[in-house]
Amino acid sequence: MSARRQKVTDDDVFAAAQRVMGRRGPHELTLADIAVEAGLTPGRLVQRFGSKRALLVALSERFASSAGPVFAALRDEHGTPLAALRAYATCMADLAPTPDALLRNLAYLQGDLADDVLRGHLVENARAARGEIETLLEAAIAARQLRPGVDVQALARIVEVVISGSLMTWATYREGAAADWIARDVDAVLMPYLTGPSLA
């Protein structure tokens, strides 16, 4: 439980909401829980956001613009375009530290898909992420990691589909860590296009 603080920013609230969402499903989530986690009174949180849905909309709007910073950090951290791409794929396993956590995340995704506003933010993020994947693939061609002539747009779409599908398949089999499962599938998709023996 967080002690109440004098100043709690929106970023603090969003981080608190994400932590609580990691522990509670959509029907269990309350503004009171988020307020306690953030160090606010529930009344103050209602004054700031108005309702649980309004807070979730604000959180999803913030998420919609997150692809650029996420990929920039991955490019800075990893030495090659394909290493950054592989790291992005495996970081999707953060949604599944445990099978129960993935089930909660899928429940939130179901709500996002059923709500036009939330889905709009989801689509915005997905399109931005696919654009970033295309940029990494183009850079991999320039760096001679991938052979020339690769259809970057088509391959980016396949990579996007494989990452999501791999996570769902892991949820069924639950063999090993989700990150390792996803990495194997992405490696298999990219392998025919490589100029060398690995993605490093």
N, C-alpha and C. Protein backbone atom coordinates (compact mmCIF):
# COMPACT_ATOMS: atom_id res chain seq x y z
N MET A 1 0.85 -1.18 0.00
CA MET A 1 0.00 0.00 0.00
C MET A 1 0.89 1.23 0.00
N SER A 2 0.60 2.19 -0.87
CA SER A 2 1.41 3.40 -0.98
C SER A 2 0.93 4.45 0.00
N ALA A 3 1.89 5.15 0.63
CA ALA A 3 1.53 6.27 1.50
C ALA A 3 1.05 7.43 0.64
N ARG A 4 0.08 8.20 1.17
CA ARG A 4 -0.44 9.32 0.40
C ARG A 4 0.62 10.41 0.30
N ARG A 5 0.78 10.98 -0.91
CA ARG A 5 1.77 12.02 -1.14
C ARG A 5 1.06 13.32 -1.50
N GLN A 6 1.79 14.43 -1.33
CA GLN A 6 1.21 15.74 -1.63
C GLN A 6 0.93 15.87 -3.12
N LYS A 7 1.89 15.48 -3.97
CA LYS A 7 1.72 15.67 -5.40
C LYS A 7 1.85 14.34 -6.12
N VAL A 8 0.80 13.96 -6.81
CA VAL A 8 0.80 12.72 -7.59
C VAL A 8 0.46 13.12 -9.02
N THR A 9 1.38 12.84 -9.94
CA THR A 9 1.18 13.23 -11.33
C THR A 9 0.28 12.22 -12.05
N ASP A 10 -0.18 12.61 -13.23
CA ASP A 10 -0.94 11.66 -14.05
C ASP A 10 -0.11 10.43 -14.36
N ASP A 11 1.18 10.62 -14.63
CA ASP A 11 2.05 9.47 -14.89
C ASP A 11 2.08 8.53 -13.70
N ASP A 12 2.10 9.08 -12.50
CA ASP A 12 2.06 8.24 -11.29
C ASP A 12 0.76 7.44 -11.24
N VAL A 13 -0.34 8.11 -11.58
CA VAL A 13 -1.64 7.43 -11.56
C VAL A 13 -1.68 6.33 -12.61
N PHE A 14 -1.18 6.62 -13.82
CA PHE A 14 -1.20 5.61 -14.88
C PHE A 14 -0.34 4.41 -14.50
N ALA A 15 0.82 4.68 -13.91
CA ALA A 15 1.69 3.57 -13.48
C ALA A 15 1.00 2.75 -12.40
N ALA A 16 0.32 3.43 -11.47
CA ALA A 16 -0.41 2.72 -10.42
C ALA A 16 -1.54 1.88 -11.02
N ALA A 17 -2.25 2.46 -11.98
CA ALA A 17 -3.34 1.72 -12.64
C ALA A 17 -2.82 0.46 -13.31
N GLN A 18 -1.68 0.58 -13.99
CA GLN A 18 -1.12 -0.59 -14.67
C GLN A 18 -0.71 -1.67 -13.67
N ARG A 19 -0.17 -1.25 -12.53
CA ARG A 19 0.20 -2.25 -11.51
C ARG A 19 -1.04 -2.96 -10.98
N VAL A 20 -2.09 -2.20 -10.71
CA VAL A 20 -3.31 -2.83 -10.20
C VAL A 20 -3.94 -3.72 -11.27
N MET A 21 -3.92 -3.26 -12.53
CA MET A 21 -4.47 -4.07 -13.61
C MET A 21 -3.71 -5.38 -13.77
N GLY A 22 -2.43 -5.38 -13.40
CA GLY A 22 -1.66 -6.61 -13.44
C GLY A 22 -2.10 -7.63 -12.41
N ARG A 23 -2.81 -7.14 -11.39
CA ARG A 23 -3.26 -8.03 -10.30
C ARG A 23 -4.74 -8.32 -10.35
N ARG A 24 -5.52 -7.44 -11.00
CA ARG A 24 -6.98 -7.57 -10.99
C ARG A 24 -7.52 -7.50 -12.41
N GLY A 25 -8.53 -8.30 -12.70
CA GLY A 25 -9.18 -8.26 -13.99
C GLY A 25 -10.10 -7.06 -14.12
N PRO A 26 -10.68 -6.85 -15.30
CA PRO A 26 -11.51 -5.66 -15.54
C PRO A 26 -12.68 -5.51 -14.58
N HIS A 27 -13.31 -6.62 -14.23
CA HIS A 27 -14.50 -6.53 -13.37
C HIS A 27 -14.13 -6.35 -11.89
N GLU A 28 -12.87 -6.62 -11.55
CA GLU A 28 -12.41 -6.43 -10.18
C GLU A 28 -11.80 -5.05 -9.97
N LEU A 29 -11.40 -4.39 -11.05
CA LEU A 29 -10.68 -3.13 -10.96
C LEU A 29 -11.60 -2.02 -10.44
N THR A 30 -11.12 -1.28 -9.45
CA THR A 30 -11.89 -0.15 -8.92
C THR A 30 -11.00 1.08 -8.84
N LEU A 31 -11.63 2.26 -8.89
CA LEU A 31 -10.89 3.50 -8.69
C LEU A 31 -10.28 3.55 -7.30
N ALA A 32 -10.95 2.98 -6.34
CA ALA A 32 -10.43 2.97 -4.97
C ALA A 32 -9.09 2.24 -4.91
N ASP A 33 -9.01 1.09 -5.59
CA ASP A 33 -7.75 0.33 -5.60
C ASP A 33 -6.63 1.15 -6.24
N ILE A 34 -6.95 1.81 -7.34
CA ILE A 34 -5.94 2.61 -8.04
C ILE A 34 -5.52 3.80 -7.18
N ALA A 35 -6.49 4.41 -6.52
CA ALA A 35 -6.18 5.55 -5.67
C ALA A 35 -5.22 5.16 -4.55
N VAL A 36 -5.49 4.05 -3.90
CA VAL A 36 -4.61 3.59 -2.82
C VAL A 36 -3.21 3.32 -3.37
N GLU A 37 -3.14 2.66 -4.51
CA GLU A 37 -1.85 2.34 -5.12
C GLU A 37 -1.07 3.61 -5.47
N ALA A 38 -1.79 4.63 -5.92
CA ALA A 38 -1.15 5.88 -6.34
C ALA A 38 -0.86 6.83 -5.18
N GLY A 39 -1.45 6.56 -4.02
CA GLY A 39 -1.26 7.46 -2.89
C GLY A 39 -2.21 8.63 -2.88
N LEU A 40 -3.41 8.44 -3.43
CA LEU A 40 -4.45 9.46 -3.46
C LEU A 40 -5.68 8.97 -2.70
N THR A 41 -6.56 9.90 -2.35
CA THR A 41 -7.87 9.49 -1.87
C THR A 41 -8.73 9.15 -3.08
N PRO A 42 -9.67 8.22 -2.95
CA PRO A 42 -10.56 7.93 -4.08
C PRO A 42 -11.29 9.18 -4.59
N GLY A 43 -11.69 10.06 -3.67
CA GLY A 43 -12.38 11.28 -4.08
C GLY A 43 -11.52 12.16 -4.97
N ARG A 44 -10.23 12.27 -4.62
CA ARG A 44 -9.33 13.09 -5.43
C ARG A 44 -9.14 12.47 -6.83
N LEU A 45 -9.11 11.15 -6.89
CA LEU A 45 -8.96 10.50 -8.19
C LEU A 45 -10.21 10.72 -9.04
N VAL A 46 -11.39 10.68 -8.42
CA VAL A 46 -12.63 10.95 -9.15
C VAL A 46 -12.65 12.39 -9.64
N GLN A 47 -12.18 13.32 -8.81
CA GLN A 47 -12.12 14.72 -9.24
C GLN A 47 -11.23 14.88 -10.47
N ARG A 48 -10.15 14.12 -10.52
CA ARG A 48 -9.19 14.27 -11.61
C ARG A 48 -9.68 13.61 -12.89
N PHE A 49 -10.27 12.41 -12.80
CA PHE A 49 -10.61 11.66 -14.01
C PHE A 49 -12.11 11.48 -14.23
N GLY A 50 -12.89 11.57 -13.18
CA GLY A 50 -14.33 11.48 -13.34
C GLY A 50 -14.91 10.10 -13.16
N SER A 51 -14.28 9.10 -13.76
CA SER A 51 -14.79 7.73 -13.68
C SER A 51 -13.68 6.76 -14.03
N LYS A 52 -13.95 5.48 -13.75
CA LYS A 52 -12.97 4.45 -14.10
C LYS A 52 -12.77 4.39 -15.61
N ARG A 53 -13.85 4.48 -16.37
CA ARG A 53 -13.72 4.43 -17.83
C ARG A 53 -12.90 5.61 -18.34
N ALA A 54 -13.13 6.80 -17.79
CA ALA A 54 -12.38 7.97 -18.24
C ALA A 54 -10.89 7.80 -17.96
N LEU A 55 -10.56 7.19 -16.83
CA LEU A 55 -9.15 6.94 -16.53
C LEU A 55 -8.58 5.94 -17.53
N LEU A 56 -9.33 4.88 -17.83
CA LEU A 56 -8.85 3.88 -18.78
C LEU A 56 -8.70 4.46 -20.19
N VAL A 57 -9.59 5.37 -20.57
CA VAL A 57 -9.46 6.03 -21.87
C VAL A 57 -8.19 6.87 -21.90
N ALA A 58 -7.93 7.62 -20.81
CA ALA A 58 -6.72 8.43 -20.74
C ALA A 58 -5.47 7.55 -20.78
N LEU A 59 -5.52 6.42 -20.11
CA LEU A 59 -4.39 5.48 -20.12
C LEU A 59 -4.17 4.92 -21.51
N SER A 60 -5.25 4.57 -22.20
CA SER A 60 -5.11 4.00 -23.54
C SER A 60 -4.63 5.05 -24.54
N GLU A 61 -5.02 6.31 -24.31
CA GLU A 61 -4.53 7.38 -25.17
C GLU A 61 -3.02 7.55 -25.01
N ARG A 62 -2.56 7.45 -23.78
CA ARG A 62 -1.11 7.52 -23.52
C ARG A 62 -0.40 6.33 -24.20
N PHE A 63 -1.01 5.15 -24.11
CA PHE A 63 -0.45 3.95 -24.72
C PHE A 63 -0.36 4.10 -26.24
N ALA A 64 -1.32 4.79 -26.83
CA ALA A 64 -1.37 4.91 -28.29
C ALA A 64 -0.13 5.56 -28.86
N SER A 65 0.50 6.43 -28.10
CA SER A 65 1.68 7.15 -28.60
C SER A 65 2.99 6.57 -28.06
N SER A 66 2.95 5.35 -27.55
CA SER A 66 4.13 4.79 -26.89
C SER A 66 5.08 4.05 -27.81
N ALA A 67 4.65 3.72 -29.03
CA ALA A 67 5.49 2.87 -29.89
C ALA A 67 6.83 3.53 -30.21
N GLY A 68 6.80 4.81 -30.57
CA GLY A 68 8.03 5.49 -30.93
C GLY A 68 9.09 5.44 -29.84
N PRO A 69 8.78 5.87 -28.61
CA PRO A 69 9.77 5.80 -27.53
C PRO A 69 10.23 4.38 -27.22
N VAL A 70 9.31 3.42 -27.28
CA VAL A 70 9.69 2.03 -26.99
C VAL A 70 10.73 1.54 -28.01
N PHE A 71 10.47 1.76 -29.29
CA PHE A 71 11.39 1.30 -30.32
C PHE A 71 12.70 2.09 -30.29
N ALA A 72 12.63 3.37 -29.98
CA ALA A 72 13.86 4.17 -29.87
C ALA A 72 14.77 3.60 -28.78
N ALA A 73 14.17 3.24 -27.65
CA ALA A 73 14.96 2.66 -26.56
C ALA A 73 15.56 1.32 -26.97
N LEU A 74 14.80 0.52 -27.70
CA LEU A 74 15.31 -0.78 -28.14
C LEU A 74 16.47 -0.62 -29.13
N ARG A 75 16.34 0.37 -30.02
CA ARG A 75 17.44 0.61 -30.97
C ARG A 75 18.70 1.07 -30.24
N ASP A 76 18.53 1.89 -29.21
CA ASP A 76 19.68 2.36 -28.44
C ASP A 76 20.35 1.23 -27.66
N GLU A 77 19.52 0.30 -27.19
CA GLU A 77 20.02 -0.75 -26.31
C GLU A 77 20.68 -1.89 -27.06
N HIS A 78 20.24 -2.14 -28.30
CA HIS A 78 20.71 -3.31 -29.04
C HIS A 78 21.55 -2.88 -30.24
N GLY A 79 22.52 -3.72 -30.56
CA GLY A 79 23.53 -3.33 -31.53
C GLY A 79 23.12 -3.37 -32.99
N THR A 80 22.11 -4.16 -33.32
CA THR A 80 21.71 -4.30 -34.72
C THR A 80 20.20 -4.17 -34.84
N PRO A 81 19.70 -3.86 -36.04
CA PRO A 81 18.24 -3.75 -36.22
C PRO A 81 17.50 -5.03 -35.87
N LEU A 82 18.04 -6.17 -36.27
CA LEU A 82 17.32 -7.42 -36.00
C LEU A 82 17.36 -7.78 -34.52
N ALA A 83 18.44 -7.41 -33.83
CA ALA A 83 18.47 -7.64 -32.39
C ALA A 83 17.41 -6.80 -31.70
N ALA A 84 17.23 -5.57 -32.16
CA ALA A 84 16.18 -4.70 -31.59
C ALA A 84 14.80 -5.27 -31.89
N LEU A 85 14.62 -5.79 -33.09
CA LEU A 85 13.33 -6.37 -33.46
C LEU A 85 13.03 -7.61 -32.61
N ARG A 86 14.02 -8.42 -32.41
CA ARG A 86 13.83 -9.62 -31.59
C ARG A 86 13.51 -9.23 -30.15
N ALA A 87 14.16 -8.18 -29.66
CA ALA A 87 13.89 -7.71 -28.30
C ALA A 87 12.46 -7.20 -28.17
N TYR A 88 11.98 -6.51 -29.22
CA TYR A 88 10.59 -6.06 -29.19
C TYR A 88 9.65 -7.26 -29.13
N ALA A 89 9.93 -8.26 -29.94
CA ALA A 89 9.07 -9.44 -29.95
C ALA A 89 9.02 -10.09 -28.58
N THR A 90 10.17 -10.25 -27.95
CA THR A 90 10.19 -10.95 -26.67
C THR A 90 9.63 -10.09 -25.53
N CYS A 91 9.69 -8.75 -25.68
CA CYS A 91 9.13 -7.92 -24.61
C CYS A 91 7.60 -8.04 -24.57
N MET A 92 7.00 -8.54 -25.66
CA MET A 92 5.57 -8.78 -25.63
C MET A 92 5.21 -9.86 -24.61
N ALA A 93 6.21 -10.67 -24.25
CA ALA A 93 5.97 -11.69 -23.22
C ALA A 93 5.76 -11.07 -21.85
N ASP A 94 6.01 -9.75 -21.71
CA ASP A 94 5.71 -9.08 -20.44
C ASP A 94 4.22 -9.17 -20.11
N LEU A 95 3.40 -9.41 -21.14
CA LEU A 95 1.97 -9.59 -20.92
C LEU A 95 1.66 -10.94 -20.27
N ALA A 96 2.66 -11.83 -20.24
CA ALA A 96 2.41 -13.19 -19.77
C ALA A 96 3.48 -13.68 -18.81
N PRO A 97 3.73 -12.93 -17.71
CA PRO A 97 4.67 -13.46 -16.73
C PRO A 97 4.17 -14.77 -16.12
N THR A 98 2.83 -14.91 -16.11
CA THR A 98 2.19 -16.15 -15.70
C THR A 98 0.96 -16.35 -16.59
N PRO A 99 0.46 -17.58 -16.70
CA PRO A 99 -0.77 -17.79 -17.47
C PRO A 99 -1.95 -16.96 -16.95
N ASP A 100 -2.06 -16.82 -15.63
CA ASP A 100 -3.17 -16.02 -15.07
C ASP A 100 -3.05 -14.55 -15.45
N ALA A 101 -1.83 -14.03 -15.46
CA ALA A 101 -1.63 -12.64 -15.85
C ALA A 101 -2.02 -12.43 -17.31
N LEU A 102 -1.70 -13.38 -18.16
CA LEU A 102 -2.09 -13.27 -19.57
C LEU A 102 -3.61 -13.28 -19.70
N LEU A 103 -4.28 -14.12 -18.93
CA LEU A 103 -5.74 -14.15 -18.98
C LEU A 103 -6.34 -12.80 -18.60
N ARG A 104 -5.76 -12.15 -17.59
CA ARG A 104 -6.24 -10.81 -17.22
C ARG A 104 -5.99 -9.82 -18.35
N ASN A 105 -4.82 -9.88 -18.95
CA ASN A 105 -4.52 -8.96 -20.05
C ASN A 105 -5.43 -9.19 -21.24
N LEU A 106 -5.77 -10.44 -21.51
CA LEU A 106 -6.69 -10.73 -22.61
C LEU A 106 -8.10 -10.22 -22.29
N ALA A 107 -8.47 -10.25 -21.03
CA ALA A 107 -9.77 -9.71 -20.65
C ALA A 107 -9.82 -8.20 -20.90
N TYR A 108 -8.72 -7.50 -20.59
CA TYR A 108 -8.67 -6.07 -20.89
C TYR A 108 -8.69 -5.84 -22.40
N LEU A 109 -8.00 -6.68 -23.16
CA LEU A 109 -8.00 -6.55 -24.62
C LEU A 109 -9.41 -6.73 -25.16
N GLN A 110 -10.15 -7.68 -24.63
CA GLN A 110 -11.53 -7.89 -25.07
C GLN A 110 -12.35 -6.63 -24.87
N GLY A 111 -12.16 -5.98 -23.73
CA GLY A 111 -12.87 -4.73 -23.47
C GLY A 111 -12.45 -3.63 -24.43
N ASP A 112 -11.16 -3.56 -24.74
CA ASP A 112 -10.68 -2.55 -25.69
C ASP A 112 -11.30 -2.76 -27.07
N LEU A 113 -11.39 -4.01 -27.50
CA LEU A 113 -11.92 -4.31 -28.83
C LEU A 113 -13.42 -4.04 -28.92
N ALA A 114 -14.10 -4.09 -27.78
CA ALA A 114 -15.55 -3.87 -27.77
C ALA A 114 -15.93 -2.40 -27.63
N ASP A 115 -14.95 -1.54 -27.36
CA ASP A 115 -15.20 -0.13 -27.12
C ASP A 115 -14.55 0.67 -28.26
N ASP A 116 -15.34 1.44 -29.00
CA ASP A 116 -14.81 2.14 -30.18
C ASP A 116 -13.68 3.10 -29.83
N VAL A 117 -13.80 3.80 -28.72
CA VAL A 117 -12.75 4.75 -28.34
C VAL A 117 -11.46 4.03 -27.98
N LEU A 118 -11.56 3.03 -27.12
CA LEU A 118 -10.38 2.27 -26.71
C LEU A 118 -9.76 1.54 -27.89
N ARG A 119 -10.60 0.98 -28.75
CA ARG A 119 -10.08 0.29 -29.93
C ARG A 119 -9.35 1.26 -30.85
N GLY A 120 -9.84 2.48 -30.96
CA GLY A 120 -9.17 3.48 -31.79
C GLY A 120 -7.75 3.73 -31.33
N HIS A 121 -7.55 3.81 -30.02
CA HIS A 121 -6.20 4.00 -29.49
C HIS A 121 -5.35 2.76 -29.72
N LEU A 122 -5.97 1.58 -29.62
CA LEU A 122 -5.26 0.32 -29.86
C LEU A 122 -4.78 0.26 -31.31
N VAL A 123 -5.65 0.64 -32.23
CA VAL A 123 -5.28 0.63 -33.66
C VAL A 123 -4.15 1.62 -33.93
N GLU A 124 -4.24 2.80 -33.32
CA GLU A 124 -3.19 3.81 -33.51
C GLU A 124 -1.83 3.26 -33.08
N ASN A 125 -1.79 2.60 -31.94
CA ASN A 125 -0.54 2.03 -31.46
C ASN A 125 -0.06 0.90 -32.36
N ALA A 126 -0.99 0.05 -32.80
CA ALA A 126 -0.62 -1.09 -33.65
C ALA A 126 -0.03 -0.61 -34.97
N ARG A 127 -0.63 0.41 -35.57
CA ARG A 127 -0.11 0.92 -36.83
C ARG A 127 1.27 1.55 -36.65
N ALA A 128 1.44 2.27 -35.55
CA ALA A 128 2.75 2.86 -35.27
C ALA A 128 3.80 1.78 -35.05
N ALA A 129 3.43 0.72 -34.33
CA ALA A 129 4.37 -0.37 -34.07
C ALA A 129 4.74 -1.07 -35.37
N ARG A 130 3.75 -1.29 -36.25
CA ARG A 130 4.08 -1.94 -37.52
C ARG A 130 5.02 -1.05 -38.35
N GLY A 131 4.79 0.26 -38.32
CA GLY A 131 5.69 1.17 -39.02
C GLY A 131 7.11 1.09 -38.48
N GLU A 132 7.23 0.96 -37.15
CA GLU A 132 8.55 0.82 -36.54
C GLU A 132 9.21 -0.50 -36.93
N ILE A 133 8.42 -1.56 -37.04
CA ILE A 133 8.95 -2.85 -37.49
C ILE A 133 9.47 -2.72 -38.92
N GLU A 134 8.71 -2.04 -39.78
CA GLU A 134 9.16 -1.81 -41.16
C GLU A 134 10.48 -1.05 -41.18
N THR A 135 10.60 -0.04 -40.33
CA THR A 135 11.84 0.74 -40.26
C THR A 135 13.02 -0.13 -39.86
N LEU A 136 12.81 -1.01 -38.88
CA LEU A 136 13.88 -1.91 -38.46
C LEU A 136 14.26 -2.89 -39.57
N LEU A 137 13.27 -3.38 -40.31
CA LEU A 137 13.57 -4.31 -41.41
C LEU A 137 14.34 -3.60 -42.53
N GLU A 138 13.96 -2.36 -42.82
CA GLU A 138 14.69 -1.59 -43.82
C GLU A 138 16.13 -1.36 -43.37
N ALA A 139 16.30 -1.06 -42.08
CA ALA A 139 17.65 -0.87 -41.55
C ALA A 139 18.44 -2.17 -41.59
N ALA A 140 17.76 -3.29 -41.39
CA ALA A 140 18.44 -4.59 -41.45
C ALA A 140 18.91 -4.90 -42.87
N ILE A 141 18.14 -4.48 -43.86
CA ILE A 141 18.57 -4.65 -45.25
C ILE A 141 19.80 -3.77 -45.51
N ALA A 142 19.74 -2.53 -45.07
CA ALA A 142 20.87 -1.61 -45.26
C ALA A 142 22.11 -2.11 -44.55
N ALA A 143 21.93 -2.76 -43.41
CA ALA A 143 23.06 -3.30 -42.64
C ALA A 143 23.48 -4.67 -43.14
N ARG A 144 22.83 -5.16 -44.18
CA ARG A 144 23.13 -6.46 -44.79
C ARG A 144 22.88 -7.63 -43.85
N GLN A 145 21.95 -7.42 -42.92
CA GLN A 145 21.47 -8.54 -42.13
C GLN A 145 20.41 -9.33 -42.89
N LEU A 146 19.60 -8.61 -43.66
CA LEU A 146 18.59 -9.23 -44.52
C LEU A 146 19.00 -9.04 -45.97
N ARG A 147 18.63 -10.00 -46.79
CA ARG A 147 19.02 -9.90 -48.19
C ARG A 147 18.21 -8.83 -48.92
N PRO A 148 18.78 -8.24 -49.96
CA PRO A 148 18.06 -7.21 -50.73
C PRO A 148 16.80 -7.78 -51.37
N GLY A 149 15.86 -6.89 -51.61
CA GLY A 149 14.65 -7.30 -52.32
C GLY A 149 13.54 -7.82 -51.43
N VAL A 150 13.76 -7.85 -50.12
CA VAL A 150 12.72 -8.31 -49.21
C VAL A 150 11.54 -7.32 -49.26
N ASP A 151 10.33 -7.86 -49.33
CA ASP A 151 9.13 -7.03 -49.27
C ASP A 151 8.92 -6.63 -47.81
N VAL A 152 9.39 -5.45 -47.46
CA VAL A 152 9.41 -5.02 -46.07
C VAL A 152 8.00 -4.93 -45.48
N GLN A 153 7.06 -4.38 -46.24
CA GLN A 153 5.70 -4.23 -45.71
C GLN A 153 5.06 -5.59 -45.45
N ALA A 154 5.24 -6.51 -46.38
CA ALA A 154 4.66 -7.84 -46.20
C ALA A 154 5.31 -8.57 -45.03
N LEU A 155 6.63 -8.48 -44.92
CA LEU A 155 7.32 -9.17 -43.84
C LEU A 155 6.97 -8.56 -42.48
N ALA A 156 6.83 -7.23 -42.43
CA ALA A 156 6.45 -6.58 -41.17
C ALA A 156 5.08 -7.07 -40.71
N ARG A 157 4.17 -7.21 -41.64
CA ARG A 157 2.84 -7.71 -41.28
C ARG A 157 2.93 -9.14 -40.75
N ILE A 158 3.74 -9.97 -41.40
CA ILE A 158 3.89 -11.35 -40.94
C ILE A 158 4.51 -11.39 -39.55
N VAL A 159 5.53 -10.57 -39.30
CA VAL A 159 6.16 -10.52 -37.98
C VAL A 159 5.14 -10.11 -36.92
N GLU A 160 4.35 -9.08 -37.24
CA GLU A 160 3.32 -8.62 -36.31
C GLU A 160 2.35 -9.76 -35.98
N VAL A 161 1.90 -10.47 -36.99
CA VAL A 161 0.95 -11.56 -36.79
C VAL A 161 1.59 -12.69 -35.98
N VAL A 162 2.83 -13.01 -36.29
CA VAL A 162 3.51 -14.11 -35.60
C VAL A 162 3.69 -13.79 -34.12
N ILE A 163 4.04 -12.55 -33.79
CA ILE A 163 4.23 -12.19 -32.38
C ILE A 163 2.94 -12.42 -31.60
N SER A 164 1.83 -11.89 -32.12
CA SER A 164 0.55 -12.05 -31.43
C SER A 164 0.11 -13.50 -31.39
N GLY A 165 0.22 -14.18 -32.53
CA GLY A 165 -0.19 -15.58 -32.59
C GLY A 165 0.66 -16.48 -31.72
N SER A 166 1.95 -16.18 -31.66
CA SER A 166 2.85 -16.97 -30.83
C SER A 166 2.49 -16.86 -29.36
N LEU A 167 2.14 -15.65 -28.94
CA LEU A 167 1.74 -15.46 -27.54
C LEU A 167 0.49 -16.27 -27.22
N MET A 168 -0.46 -16.28 -28.15
CA MET A 168 -1.68 -17.05 -27.92
C MET A 168 -1.40 -18.55 -27.92
N THR A 169 -0.48 -18.99 -28.78
CA THR A 169 -0.15 -20.41 -28.83
C THR A 169 0.56 -20.84 -27.54
N TRP A 170 1.46 -19.95 -27.05
CA TRP A 170 2.10 -20.26 -25.77
C TRP A 170 1.05 -20.42 -24.67
N ALA A 171 0.02 -19.58 -24.72
CA ALA A 171 -1.03 -19.65 -23.71
C ALA A 171 -1.70 -21.02 -23.69
N THR A 172 -1.74 -21.67 -24.86
CA THR A 172 -2.32 -23.01 -24.94
C THR A 172 -1.37 -24.07 -24.42
N TYR A 173 -0.12 -24.06 -24.92
CA TYR A 173 0.84 -25.11 -24.57
C TYR A 173 1.51 -24.88 -23.22
N ARG A 174 1.82 -23.62 -22.93
CA ARG A 174 2.46 -23.24 -21.66
C ARG A 174 3.72 -24.05 -21.40
N GLU A 175 4.55 -24.17 -22.43
CA GLU A 175 5.82 -24.88 -22.31
C GLU A 175 6.95 -23.87 -22.27
N GLY A 176 7.68 -23.83 -21.17
CA GLY A 176 8.79 -22.89 -21.04
C GLY A 176 8.28 -21.46 -20.86
N ALA A 177 9.21 -20.51 -21.01
CA ALA A 177 8.87 -19.10 -20.86
C ALA A 177 8.26 -18.56 -22.14
N ALA A 178 7.31 -17.65 -22.00
CA ALA A 178 6.66 -17.07 -23.18
C ALA A 178 7.67 -16.35 -24.06
N ALA A 179 8.66 -15.67 -23.47
CA ALA A 179 9.65 -14.94 -24.27
C ALA A 179 10.44 -15.89 -25.17
N ASP A 180 10.82 -17.04 -24.65
CA ASP A 180 11.58 -18.01 -25.45
C ASP A 180 10.71 -18.57 -26.57
N TRP A 181 9.44 -18.81 -26.27
CA TRP A 181 8.51 -19.34 -27.27
C TRP A 181 8.36 -18.36 -28.43
N ILE A 182 8.15 -17.08 -28.10
CA ILE A 182 7.98 -16.05 -29.13
C ILE A 182 9.26 -15.89 -29.94
N ALA A 183 10.41 -15.89 -29.26
CA ALA A 183 11.69 -15.71 -29.95
C ALA A 183 11.90 -16.80 -30.99
N ARG A 184 11.58 -18.04 -30.65
CA ARG A 184 11.76 -19.13 -31.61
C ARG A 184 10.90 -18.93 -32.85
N ASP A 185 9.67 -18.48 -32.65
CA ASP A 185 8.78 -18.30 -33.80
C ASP A 185 9.23 -17.14 -34.68
N VAL A 186 9.66 -16.03 -34.08
CA VAL A 186 10.13 -14.90 -34.87
C VAL A 186 11.42 -15.26 -35.60
N ASP A 187 12.31 -15.98 -34.94
CA ASP A 187 13.54 -16.44 -35.59
C ASP A 187 13.21 -17.29 -36.83
N ALA A 188 12.24 -18.17 -36.68
CA ALA A 188 11.87 -19.06 -37.79
C ALA A 188 11.33 -18.27 -38.97
N VAL A 189 10.56 -17.21 -38.70
CA VAL A 189 9.99 -16.39 -39.77
C VAL A 189 11.09 -15.62 -40.52
N LEU A 190 12.05 -15.10 -39.77
CA LEU A 190 13.09 -14.26 -40.39
C LEU A 190 14.21 -15.08 -41.04
N MET A 191 14.38 -16.32 -40.61
CA MET A 191 15.52 -17.13 -41.05
C MET A 191 15.70 -17.18 -42.57
N PRO A 192 14.64 -17.39 -43.37
CA PRO A 192 14.85 -17.48 -44.82
C PRO A 192 15.38 -16.20 -45.46
N TYR A 193 15.26 -15.07 -44.77
CA TYR A 193 15.65 -13.78 -45.35
C TYR A 193 17.02 -13.32 -44.89
N LEU A 194 17.65 -14.08 -43.98
CA LEU A 194 18.93 -13.66 -43.41
C LEU A 194 20.08 -13.82 -44.41
N THR A 195 21.06 -12.95 -44.28
CA THR A 195 22.28 -13.09 -45.08
C THR A 195 23.33 -13.90 -44.32
N GLY A 196 23.14 -14.07 -43.02
CA GLY A 196 24.06 -14.82 -42.20
C GLY A 196 23.33 -15.85 -41.38
N PRO A 197 24.05 -16.52 -40.46
CA PRO A 197 23.44 -17.63 -39.73
C PRO A 197 22.56 -17.24 -38.55
N SER A 198 22.56 -15.96 -38.14
CA SER A 198 21.80 -15.60 -36.94
C SER A 198 21.25 -14.18 -37.05
N LEU A 199 20.40 -13.81 -36.07
CA LEU A 199 19.81 -12.49 -36.04
C LEU A 199 20.66 -11.47 -35.31
N ALA A 200 21.79 -11.88 -34.75
CA ALA A 200 22.61 -10.98 -33.93
C ALA A 200 23.18 -9.83 -34.76
